[in-house]
Amino acid sequence: MLLEYVQAALRHARYEILAEDGSYYGEIPEFNGVYANAETLEDCRDQLREVLDGWVLFRVHKNLPVPAIDGIDLAICEVA
């Protein structure tokens, strides 16, 4: 489920070429603070995925909510 969640989130990514230096900037608007900047689009995508992975894991570790994306909800379930 986590892999599907990350893939769904990455489908929401938006990329642009920065006029100042020609580098690529990417972000996922639904995920505050998840963004990347790199020299190539491929590197930007890779970095964005790494940032997203860390963001999701941190929030799950801290028991913080993560947004549902494309109908996928990573709600934290208590284990008895």
PDB file of N, CA and C in Angstrom:
ATOM      1  N   MET A   1       0.818  -1.190   0.000  1.00  0.00           N
ATOM      2  CA  MET A   1       0.000   0.000   0.000  1.00  0.00           C
ATOM      3  C   MET A   1       0.869   1.264   0.000  1.00  0.00           C
ATOM      4  N   LEU A   2       1.987   1.233   0.725  1.00  0.00           N
ATOM      5  CA  LEU A   2       2.852   2.411   0.774  1.00  0.00           C
ATOM      6  C   LEU A   2       3.400   2.755  -0.604  1.00  0.00           C
ATOM      7  N   LEU A   3       3.811   1.755  -1.350  1.00  0.00           N
ATOM      8  CA  LEU A   3       4.327   1.989  -2.700  1.00  0.00           C
ATOM      9  C   LEU A   3       3.254   2.611  -3.588  1.00  0.00           C
ATOM     10  N   GLU A   4       2.033   2.104  -3.508  1.00  0.00           N
ATOM     11  CA  GLU A   4       0.938   2.663  -4.304  1.00  0.00           C
ATOM     12  C   GLU A   4       0.652   4.111  -3.903  1.00  0.00           C
ATOM     13  N   TYR A   5       0.742   4.391  -2.615  1.00  0.00           N
ATOM     14  CA  TYR A   5       0.513   5.739  -2.109  1.00  0.00           C
ATOM     15  C   TYR A   5       1.556   6.707  -2.680  1.00  0.00           C
ATOM     16  N   VAL A   6       2.814   6.318  -2.607  1.00  0.00           N
ATOM     17  CA  VAL A   6       3.899   7.165  -3.112  1.00  0.00           C
ATOM     18  C   VAL A   6       3.755   7.367  -4.620  1.00  0.00           C
ATOM     19  N   GLN A   7       3.450   6.322  -5.349  1.00  0.00           N
ATOM     20  CA  GLN A   7       3.272   6.447  -6.795  1.00  0.00           C
ATOM     21  C   GLN A   7       2.111   7.375  -7.123  1.00  0.00           C
ATOM     22  N   ALA A   8       1.020   7.271  -6.381  1.00  0.00           N
ATOM     23  CA  ALA A   8      -0.128   8.152  -6.600  1.00  0.00           C
ATOM     24  C   ALA A   8       0.260   9.601  -6.318  1.00  0.00           C
ATOM     25  N   ALA A   9       0.985   9.824  -5.246  1.00  0.00           N
ATOM     26  CA  ALA A   9       1.406  11.183  -4.899  1.00  0.00           C
ATOM     27  C   ALA A   9       2.316  11.761  -5.987  1.00  0.00           C
ATOM     28  N   LEU A  10       3.220  10.954  -6.502  1.00  0.00           N
ATOM     29  CA  LEU A  10       4.134  11.429  -7.540  1.00  0.00           C
ATOM     30  C   LEU A  10       3.404  11.781  -8.836  1.00  0.00           C
ATOM     31  N   ARG A  11       2.261  11.171  -9.074  1.00  0.00           N
ATOM     32  CA  ARG A  11       1.475  11.537 -10.251  1.00  0.00           C
ATOM     33  C   ARG A  11       0.906  12.955 -10.132  1.00  0.00           C
ATOM     34  N   HIS A  12       0.880  13.490  -8.936  1.00  0.00           N
ATOM     35  CA  HIS A  12       0.401  14.859  -8.706  1.00  0.00           C
ATOM     36  C   HIS A  12       1.532  15.888  -8.775  1.00  0.00           C
ATOM     37  N   ALA A  13       2.753  15.428  -8.989  1.00  0.00           N
ATOM     38  CA  ALA A  13       3.912  16.331  -9.014  1.00  0.00           C
ATOM     39  C   ALA A  13       3.813  17.305 -10.185  1.00  0.00           C
ATOM     40  N   ARG A  14       4.306  18.497  -9.932  1.00  0.00           N
ATOM     41  CA  ARG A  14       4.387  19.530 -10.966  1.00  0.00           C
ATOM     42  C   ARG A  14       5.847  19.956 -11.081  1.00  0.00           C
ATOM     43  N   TYR A  15       6.279  20.122 -12.322  1.00  0.00           N
ATOM     44  CA  TYR A  15       7.674  20.466 -12.586  1.00  0.00           C
ATOM     45  C   TYR A  15       7.728  21.728 -13.430  1.00  0.00           C
ATOM     46  N   GLU A  16       8.794  22.480 -13.232  1.00  0.00           N
ATOM     47  CA  GLU A  16       9.030  23.648 -14.076  1.00  0.00           C
ATOM     48  C   GLU A  16      10.531  23.861 -14.227  1.00  0.00           C
ATOM     49  N   ILE A  17      10.890  24.521 -15.299  1.00  0.00           N
ATOM     50  CA  ILE A  17      12.290  24.897 -15.519  1.00  0.00           C
ATOM     51  C   ILE A  17      12.451  26.316 -14.992  1.00  0.00           C
ATOM     52  N   LEU A  18      13.423  26.494 -14.114  1.00  0.00           N
ATOM     53  CA  LEU A  18      13.662  27.816 -13.537  1.00  0.00           C
ATOM     54  C   LEU A  18      14.442  28.684 -14.514  1.00  0.00           C
ATOM     55  N   ALA A  19      13.936  29.875 -14.752  1.00  0.00           N
ATOM     56  CA  ALA A  19      14.545  30.790 -15.717  1.00  0.00           C
ATOM     57  C   ALA A  19      15.934  31.252 -15.282  1.00  0.00           C
ATOM     58  N   GLU A  20      16.138  31.348 -13.976  1.00  0.00           N
ATOM     59  CA  GLU A  20      17.419  31.880 -13.470  1.00  0.00           C
ATOM     60  C   GLU A  20      18.624  31.032 -13.881  1.00  0.00           C
ATOM     61  N   ASP A  21      18.469  29.705 -13.778  1.00  0.00           N
ATOM     62  CA  ASP A  21      19.623  28.850 -14.048  1.00  0.00           C
ATOM     63  C   ASP A  21      19.314  27.632 -14.922  1.00  0.00           C
ATOM     64  N   GLY A  22      18.069  27.490 -15.367  1.00  0.00           N
ATOM     65  CA  GLY A  22      17.705  26.372 -16.225  1.00  0.00           C
ATOM     66  C   GLY A  22      17.551  25.046 -15.497  1.00  0.00           C
ATOM     67  N   SER A  23      17.605  25.078 -14.160  1.00  0.00           N
ATOM     68  CA  SER A  23      17.428  23.840 -13.411  1.00  0.00           C
ATOM     69  C   SER A  23      15.936  23.510 -13.310  1.00  0.00           C
ATOM     70  N   TYR A  24      15.649  22.313 -12.845  1.00  0.00           N
ATOM     71  CA  TYR A  24      14.269  21.851 -12.714  1.00  0.00           C
ATOM     72  C   TYR A  24      13.829  21.930 -11.260  1.00  0.00           C
ATOM     73  N   TYR A  25      12.604  22.391 -11.081  1.00  0.00           N
ATOM     74  CA  TYR A  25      11.989  22.469  -9.763  1.00  0.00           C
ATOM     75  C   TYR A  25      10.740  21.609  -9.800  1.00  0.00           C
ATOM     76  N   GLY A  26      10.559  20.785  -8.784  1.00  0.00           N
ATOM     77  CA  GLY A  26       9.374  19.944  -8.705  1.00  0.00           C
ATOM     78  C   GLY A  26       8.764  20.002  -7.324  1.00  0.00           C
ATOM     79  N   GLU A  27       7.450  19.905  -7.266  1.00  0.00           N
ATOM     80  CA  GLU A  27       6.747  19.893  -5.987  1.00  0.00           C
ATOM     81  C   GLU A  27       5.476  19.068  -6.117  1.00  0.00           C
ATOM     82  N   ILE A  28       4.960  18.659  -4.972  1.00  0.00           N
ATOM     83  CA  ILE A  28       3.673  17.983  -4.915  1.00  0.00           C
ATOM     84  C   ILE A  28       2.796  18.872  -4.039  1.00  0.00           C
ATOM     85  N   PRO A  29       1.876  19.613  -4.646  1.00  0.00           N
ATOM     86  CA  PRO A  29       1.123  20.642  -3.916  1.00  0.00           C
ATOM     87  C   PRO A  29       0.387  20.147  -2.673  1.00  0.00           C
ATOM     88  N   GLU A  30      -0.088  18.913  -2.682  1.00  0.00           N
ATOM     89  CA  GLU A  30      -0.835  18.397  -1.533  1.00  0.00           C
ATOM     90  C   GLU A  30       0.044  18.095  -0.323  1.00  0.00           C
ATOM     91  N   PHE A  31       1.362  18.123  -0.511  1.00  0.00           N
ATOM     92  CA  PHE A  31       2.300  17.749   0.543  1.00  0.00           C
ATOM     93  C   PHE A  31       3.196  18.948   0.868  1.00  0.00           C
ATOM     94  N   ASN A  32       2.830  19.670   1.911  1.00  0.00           N
ATOM     95  CA  ASN A  32       3.543  20.872   2.301  1.00  0.00           C
ATOM     96  C   ASN A  32       5.015  20.579   2.598  1.00  0.00           C
ATOM     97  N   GLY A  33       5.904  21.258   1.900  1.00  0.00           N
ATOM     98  CA  GLY A  33       7.333  21.097   2.127  1.00  0.00           C
ATOM     99  C   GLY A  33       7.994  20.025   1.281  1.00  0.00           C
ATOM    100  N   VAL A  34       7.240  19.356   0.416  1.00  0.00           N
ATOM    101  CA  VAL A  34       7.820  18.323  -0.439  1.00  0.00           C
ATOM    102  C   VAL A  34       8.140  18.946  -1.791  1.00  0.00           C
ATOM    103  N   TYR A  35       9.429  19.241  -1.985  1.00  0.00           N
ATOM    104  CA  TYR A  35       9.884  19.840  -3.236  1.00  0.00           C
ATOM    105  C   TYR A  35      11.335  19.455  -3.483  1.00  0.00           C
ATOM    106  N   ALA A  36      11.787  19.648  -4.712  1.00  0.00           N
ATOM    107  CA  ALA A  36      13.161  19.312  -5.090  1.00  0.00           C
ATOM    108  C   ALA A  36      13.614  20.238  -6.203  1.00  0.00           C
ATOM    109  N   ASN A  37      14.921  20.342  -6.350  1.00  0.00           N
ATOM    110  CA  ASN A  37      15.535  21.153  -7.389  1.00  0.00           C
ATOM    111  C   ASN A  37      16.783  20.429  -7.866  1.00  0.00           C
ATOM    112  N   ALA A  38      16.925  20.264  -9.188  1.00  0.00           N
ATOM    113  CA  ALA A  38      18.079  19.538  -9.727  1.00  0.00           C
ATOM    114  C   ALA A  38      18.372  20.016 -11.139  1.00  0.00           C
ATOM    115  N   GLU A  39      19.526  19.614 -11.635  1.00  0.00           N
ATOM    116  CA  GLU A  39      19.976  20.030 -12.971  1.00  0.00           C
ATOM    117  C   GLU A  39      19.180  19.380 -14.097  1.00  0.00           C
ATOM    118  N   THR A  40      18.705  18.142 -13.878  1.00  0.00           N
ATOM    119  CA  THR A  40      17.940  17.459 -14.920  1.00  0.00           C
ATOM    120  C   THR A  40      16.565  17.072 -14.376  1.00  0.00           C
ATOM    121  N   LEU A  41      15.634  16.848 -15.272  1.00  0.00           N
ATOM    122  CA  LEU A  41      14.293  16.446 -14.863  1.00  0.00           C
ATOM    123  C   LEU A  41      14.331  15.096 -14.152  1.00  0.00           C
ATOM    124  N   GLU A  42      15.111  14.168 -14.662  1.00  0.00           N
ATOM    125  CA  GLU A  42      15.212  12.850 -14.039  1.00  0.00           C
ATOM    126  C   GLU A  42      15.754  12.952 -12.616  1.00  0.00           C
ATOM    127  N   ASP A  43      16.804  13.756 -12.425  1.00  0.00           N
ATOM    128  CA  ASP A  43      17.349  13.946 -11.078  1.00  0.00           C
ATOM    129  C   ASP A  43      16.340  14.625 -10.158  1.00  0.00           C
ATOM    130  N   CYS A  44      15.585  15.557 -10.700  1.00  0.00           N
ATOM    131  CA  CYS A  44      14.567  16.245  -9.915  1.00  0.00           C
ATOM    132  C   CYS A  44      13.493  15.254  -9.477  1.00  0.00           C
ATOM    133  N   ARG A  45      13.071  14.382 -10.373  1.00  0.00           N
ATOM    134  CA  ARG A  45      12.076  13.360 -10.021  1.00  0.00           C
ATOM    135  C   ARG A  45      12.608  12.427  -8.942  1.00  0.00           C
ATOM    136  N   ASP A  46      13.862  12.002  -9.086  1.00  0.00           N
ATOM    137  CA  ASP A  46      14.473  11.110  -8.087  1.00  0.00           C
ATOM    138  C   ASP A  46      14.535  11.785  -6.719  1.00  0.00           C
ATOM    139  N   GLN A  47      14.972  13.043  -6.708  1.00  0.00           N
ATOM    140  CA  GLN A  47      15.074  13.767  -5.445  1.00  0.00           C
ATOM    141  C   GLN A  47      13.700  13.988  -4.829  1.00  0.00           C
ATOM    142  N   LEU A  48      12.713  14.285  -5.660  1.00  0.00           N
ATOM    143  CA  LEU A  48      11.362  14.511  -5.158  1.00  0.00           C
ATOM    144  C   LEU A  48      10.817  13.243  -4.502  1.00  0.00           C
ATOM    145  N   ARG A  49      11.090  12.110  -5.099  1.00  0.00           N
ATOM    146  CA  ARG A  49      10.648  10.843  -4.508  1.00  0.00           C
ATOM    147  C   ARG A  49      11.332  10.603  -3.162  1.00  0.00           C
ATOM    148  N   GLU A  50      12.620  10.881  -3.076  1.00  0.00           N
ATOM    149  CA  GLU A  50      13.342  10.722  -1.807  1.00  0.00           C
ATOM    150  C   GLU A  50      12.765  11.632  -0.727  1.00  0.00           C
ATOM    151  N   VAL A  51      12.484  12.871  -1.091  1.00  0.00           N
ATOM    152  CA  VAL A  51      11.902  13.815  -0.138  1.00  0.00           C
ATOM    153  C   VAL A  51      10.523  13.324   0.309  1.00  0.00           C
ATOM    154  N   LEU A  52       9.719  12.876  -0.637  1.00  0.00           N
ATOM    155  CA  LEU A  52       8.389  12.370  -0.309  1.00  0.00           C
ATOM    156  C   LEU A  52       8.486  11.152   0.609  1.00  0.00           C
ATOM    157  N   ASP A  53       9.367  10.217   0.290  1.00  0.00           N
ATOM    158  CA  ASP A  53       9.548   9.033   1.136  1.00  0.00           C
ATOM    159  C   ASP A  53       9.873   9.434   2.572  1.00  0.00           C
ATOM    160  N   GLY A  54      10.827  10.329   2.730  1.00  0.00           N
ATOM    161  CA  GLY A  54      11.217  10.785   4.063  1.00  0.00           C
ATOM    162  C   GLY A  54      10.096  11.514   4.777  1.00  0.00           C
ATOM    163  N   TRP A  55       9.365  12.331   4.034  1.00  0.00           N
ATOM    164  CA  TRP A  55       8.256  13.099   4.605  1.00  0.00           C
ATOM    165  C   TRP A  55       7.185  12.159   5.146  1.00  0.00           C
ATOM    166  N   VAL A  56       6.809  11.158   4.346  1.00  0.00           N
ATOM    167  CA  VAL A  56       5.778  10.208   4.760  1.00  0.00           C
ATOM    168  C   VAL A  56       6.261   9.399   5.966  1.00  0.00           C
ATOM    169  N   LEU A  57       7.470   8.876   5.915  1.00  0.00           N
ATOM    170  CA  LEU A  57       7.985   8.072   7.024  1.00  0.00           C
ATOM    171  C   LEU A  57       8.079   8.874   8.314  1.00  0.00           C
ATOM    172  N   PHE A  58       8.519  10.123   8.226  1.00  0.00           N
ATOM    173  CA  PHE A  58       8.599  10.977   9.406  1.00  0.00           C
ATOM    174  C   PHE A  58       7.226  11.173  10.022  1.00  0.00           C
ATOM    175  N   ARG A  59       6.252  11.486   9.186  1.00  0.00           N
ATOM    176  CA  ARG A  59       4.903  11.753   9.696  1.00  0.00           C
ATOM    177  C   ARG A  59       4.274  10.491  10.299  1.00  0.00           C
ATOM    178  N   VAL A  60       4.494   9.347   9.673  1.00  0.00           N
ATOM    179  CA  VAL A  60       3.978   8.100  10.229  1.00  0.00           C
ATOM    180  C   VAL A  60       4.668   7.816  11.565  1.00  0.00           C
ATOM    181  N   HIS A  61       5.979   7.993  11.627  1.00  0.00           N
ATOM    182  CA  HIS A  61       6.741   7.766  12.859  1.00  0.00           C
ATOM    183  C   HIS A  61       6.243   8.657  13.999  1.00  0.00           C
ATOM    184  N   LYS A  62       5.900   9.888  13.685  1.00  0.00           N
ATOM    185  CA  LYS A  62       5.433  10.844  14.691  1.00  0.00           C
ATOM    186  C   LYS A  62       3.916  10.784  14.895  1.00  0.00           C
ATOM    187  N   ASN A  63       3.258   9.827  14.244  1.00  0.00           N
ATOM    188  CA  ASN A  63       1.807   9.659  14.329  1.00  0.00           C
ATOM    189  C   ASN A  63       1.065  10.922  13.887  1.00  0.00           C
ATOM    190  N   LEU A  64       1.578  11.564  12.851  1.00  0.00           N
ATOM    191  CA  LEU A  64       0.955  12.751  12.273  1.00  0.00           C
ATOM    192  C   LEU A  64       0.151  12.339  11.049  1.00  0.00           C
ATOM    193  N   PRO A  65      -0.907  13.059  10.752  1.00  0.00           N
ATOM    194  CA  PRO A  65      -1.722  12.675   9.595  1.00  0.00           C
ATOM    195  C   PRO A  65      -0.994  12.913   8.271  1.00  0.00           C
ATOM    196  N   VAL A  66      -1.319  12.095   7.305  1.00  0.00           N
ATOM    197  CA  VAL A  66      -0.858  12.300   5.923  1.00  0.00           C
ATOM    198  C   VAL A  66      -2.114  12.405   5.067  1.00  0.00           C
ATOM    199  N   PRO A  67      -2.075  13.209   4.015  1.00  0.00           N
ATOM    200  CA  PRO A  67      -3.286  13.381   3.210  1.00  0.00           C
ATOM    201  C   PRO A  67      -3.638  12.124   2.420  1.00  0.00           C
ATOM    202  N   ALA A  68      -4.922  11.887   2.274  1.00  0.00           N
ATOM    203  CA  ALA A  68      -5.371  10.830   1.362  1.00  0.00           C
ATOM    204  C   ALA A  68      -5.089  11.319  -0.054  1.00  0.00           C
ATOM    205  N   ILE A  69      -4.674  10.413  -0.912  1.00  0.00           N
ATOM    206  CA  ILE A  69      -4.351  10.798  -2.286  1.00  0.00           C
ATOM    207  C   ILE A  69      -4.938   9.745  -3.228  1.00  0.00           C
ATOM    208  N   ASP A  70      -5.723  10.200  -4.175  1.00  0.00           N
ATOM    209  CA  ASP A  70      -6.377   9.310  -5.143  1.00  0.00           C
ATOM    210  C   ASP A  70      -7.111   8.158  -4.459  1.00  0.00           C
ATOM    211  N   GLY A  71      -7.768   8.450  -3.353  1.00  0.00           N
ATOM    212  CA  GLY A  71      -8.533   7.444  -2.637  1.00  0.00           C
ATOM    213  C   GLY A  71      -7.725   6.534  -1.736  1.00  0.00           C
ATOM    214  N   ILE A  72      -6.416   6.754  -1.661  1.00  0.00           N
ATOM    215  CA  ILE A  72      -5.559   5.937  -0.797  1.00  0.00           C
ATOM    216  C   ILE A  72      -5.327   6.720   0.490  1.00  0.00           C
ATOM    217  N   ASP A  73      -5.658   6.103   1.606  1.00  0.00           N
ATOM    218  CA  ASP A  73      -5.515   6.745   2.911  1.00  0.00           C
ATOM    219  C   ASP A  73      -4.577   5.917   3.765  1.00  0.00           C
ATOM    220  N   LEU A  74      -3.525   6.538   4.265  1.00  0.00           N
ATOM    221  CA  LEU A  74      -2.570   5.847   5.125  1.00  0.00           C
ATOM    222  C   LEU A  74      -2.887   6.102   6.592  1.00  0.00           C
ATOM    223  N   ALA A  75      -4.092   5.875   6.985  1.00  0.00           N
ATOM    224  CA  ALA A  75      -4.477   6.086   8.382  1.00  0.00           C
ATOM    225  C   ALA A  75      -3.686   5.150   9.273  1.00  0.00           C
ATOM    226  N   ILE A  76      -3.258   5.673  10.405  1.00  0.00           N
ATOM    227  CA  ILE A  76      -2.492   4.886  11.370  1.00  0.00           C
ATOM    228  C   ILE A  76      -3.465   4.021  12.175  1.00  0.00           C
ATOM    229  N   CYS A  77      -3.219   2.729  12.210  1.00  0.00           N
ATOM    230  CA  CYS A  77      -4.067   1.804  12.955  1.00  0.00           C
ATOM    231  C   CYS A  77      -3.333   1.384  14.227  1.00  0.00           C
ATOM    232  N   GLU A  78      -4.035   1.430  15.335  1.00  0.00           N
ATOM    233  CA  GLU A  78      -3.458   1.013  16.609  1.00  0.00           C
ATOM    234  C   GLU A  78      -3.397  -0.519  16.639  1.00  0.00           C
ATOM    235  N   VAL A  79      -2.290  -1.053  17.126  1.00  0.00           N
ATOM    236  CA  VAL A  79      -2.126  -2.499  17.273  1.00  0.00           C
ATOM    237  C   VAL A  79      -2.352  -2.840  18.730  1.00  0.00           C
ATOM    238  N   ALA A  80      -3.210  -3.803  18.973  1.00  0.00           N
ATOM    239  CA  ALA A  80      -3.541  -4.190  20.357  1.00  0.00           C
ATOM    240  C   ALA A  80      -2.478  -5.068  20.947  1.00  0.00           C
TER     241      ALA A  80
END
